[in-house]
Protein backbone atom coordinates (compact mmCIF):
# COMPACT_ATOMS: atom_id res chain seq x y z
CA MET A 1 -12.52 44.78 -8.65
CA LYS A 2 -14.95 42.67 -10.83
CA LEU A 3 -13.93 39.23 -11.84
CA THR A 4 -14.75 37.91 -15.32
CA ALA A 5 -15.62 34.36 -16.03
CA THR A 6 -12.28 34.00 -17.85
CA GLY A 7 -10.61 35.35 -14.64
CA MET A 8 -12.51 32.96 -12.40
CA LYS A 9 -11.52 30.04 -14.57
CA ALA A 10 -7.81 30.94 -14.51
CA THR A 11 -7.87 31.57 -10.80
CA ALA A 12 -9.55 27.94 -10.21
CA ALA A 13 -7.26 26.39 -12.87
CA ALA A 14 -4.17 28.03 -10.83
CA THR A 15 -5.49 26.75 -7.51
CA VAL A 16 -5.96 23.20 -8.85
CA MET A 17 -2.51 23.30 -10.29
CA VAL A 18 -0.91 24.34 -7.14
CA ALA A 19 -2.95 21.82 -5.26
CA ALA A 20 -1.81 19.10 -7.63
CA LEU A 21 1.87 20.10 -7.34
CA ALA A 22 1.81 19.94 -3.64
CA VAL A 23 0.55 16.23 -3.45
CA PRO A 24 3.60 14.45 -5.22
CA ALA A 25 5.96 16.71 -3.16
CA ALA A 26 4.36 15.40 0.10
CA THR A 27 4.73 11.92 -0.83
CA SER A 28 7.89 11.73 -2.83
CA SER A 29 10.15 11.01 0.24
CA PRO A 30 10.19 7.28 1.35
CA THR A 31 9.76 8.23 4.86
CA ALA A 32 6.55 10.06 4.04
CA ILE A 33 4.86 6.88 2.45
CA ALA A 34 2.05 5.49 4.64
CA TYR A 35 0.41 2.41 3.71
CA ALA A 36 -3.29 2.35 3.85
CA ALA A 37 -4.65 0.37 6.65
CA ALA A 38 -6.00 -2.56 4.69
CA ALA A 39 -8.98 -4.51 5.97
CA VAL A 40 -7.44 -7.62 7.56
CA PRO A 41 -9.46 -10.99 7.28
CA PRO A 42 -11.64 -11.84 10.33
CA GLY A 43 -9.70 -13.83 12.94
CA LEU A 44 -6.25 -12.77 11.72
CA SER A 45 -4.01 -9.95 13.35
CA CYS A 46 -1.24 -8.89 10.88
CA ASP A 47 1.71 -6.66 10.62
CA THR A 48 2.77 -5.50 7.17
CA GLY A 49 5.83 -3.73 5.91
CA LYS A 50 8.83 -3.45 3.65
CA HIS A 51 12.03 -5.69 4.18
CA ALA A 52 14.69 -3.68 6.13
CA ASN A 53 17.30 -4.36 3.51
CA ASP A 54 15.26 -4.58 0.20
CA GLU A 55 12.56 -1.93 -0.41
CA TYR A 56 11.17 -3.87 -3.26
CA THR A 57 10.19 -6.88 -0.85
CA GLY A 58 7.00 -6.70 1.12
CA TYR A 59 5.55 -8.83 3.96
CA ALA A 60 2.57 -9.78 5.91
CA LEU A 61 3.28 -11.40 9.32
CA CYS A 62 -0.03 -12.79 10.66
CA ARG A 63 -1.47 -14.81 13.53
CA ASN A 64 -4.54 -16.69 13.67
CA ASN A 65 -6.66 -15.61 16.61
CA GLY A 66 -9.75 -17.59 15.41
CA GLY A 67 -11.12 -20.99 15.90
CA ALA A 68 -10.62 -22.29 12.58
CA PRO A 69 -7.75 -22.65 9.96
CA GLN A 70 -7.19 -19.36 7.90
CA THR A 71 -5.33 -18.88 4.68
CA PHE A 72 -3.75 -15.57 3.63
CA TRP A 73 -1.25 -13.85 1.36
CA VAL A 74 0.35 -10.60 0.89
CA HIS A 75 -0.53 -8.31 -2.08
CA LEU A 76 1.93 -5.54 -3.24
CA VAL A 77 0.78 -2.83 -5.44
CA CYS A 78 4.24 -2.11 -7.45
CA GLY A 79 3.79 1.13 -9.13
CA TRP A 80 4.79 0.76 -12.86
CA ALA A 81 5.60 -2.89 -12.49
CA PRO A 82 2.87 -5.67 -12.35
CA ASP A 83 1.25 -6.17 -8.82
CA VAL A 84 2.36 -9.26 -7.18
CA ASP A 85 0.93 -11.78 -4.60
CA GLY A 86 2.97 -13.71 -2.12
CA GLU A 87 2.84 -17.41 -1.19
CA HIS A 88 -0.53 -18.59 0.23
CA VAL A 89 -0.02 -19.40 4.12
CA THR A 90 -2.49 -21.55 6.02
CA LEU A 91 -2.50 -21.12 9.70
CA ASN A 92 -4.15 -23.24 12.31
CA PRO A 93 -5.65 -21.54 15.35
CA GLY A 94 -2.91 -19.90 17.41
CA GLN A 95 -0.36 -20.27 14.57
CA SER A 96 1.67 -17.46 13.07
CA GLY A 97 3.22 -17.28 9.63
CA GLN A 98 4.73 -14.80 6.89
CA SER A 99 3.79 -14.19 3.21
CA THR A 100 6.40 -12.32 1.38
CA ALA A 101 6.46 -10.87 -2.18
CA HIS A 102 8.88 -9.00 -4.47
CA CYS A 103 8.10 -6.11 -6.90
CA GLY A 104 10.26 -6.04 -10.03
CA ARG A 105 13.25 -3.72 -10.19
CA LEU A 106 12.02 -1.68 -13.18
CA GLY A 107 9.05 -0.50 -11.37
CA THR A 108 8.77 2.41 -8.75
CA GLY A 109 8.71 0.14 -5.83
CA ILE A 110 5.91 -0.91 -3.29
CA GLY A 111 3.16 1.58 -3.35
CA GLU A 112 0.58 -0.40 -1.18
CA ILE A 113 0.81 -3.58 0.91
CA SER A 114 -2.48 -5.58 1.90
CA VAL A 115 -3.41 -8.94 3.25
CA GLN A 116 -5.79 -10.99 1.19
CA PRO A 117 -8.00 -13.90 2.45
């Protein structure tokens, strides 16, 4: 069987459409959302996540393992709503602290959580 250029284009287009349809289905479940491992500022060790009772609230809980004060804040990518930053927190060496932020309810919720220096 000989494929024409038109047949190849249709096959390639169908392959792209199938691949594109598979991506949202794999990420539409809240349990399937994985947050990218964001670069944490040097000297800090941080855990990030969504609040247990409010999926529109995200946090960064950090500890300063360095030898100088460190300032950080949480940054949330909120889908259709504007992205938001949490309060700036300054930690002395050995201290721990948390920054929280809240995405607007009209948005699609938290898409990514990162720690900013």
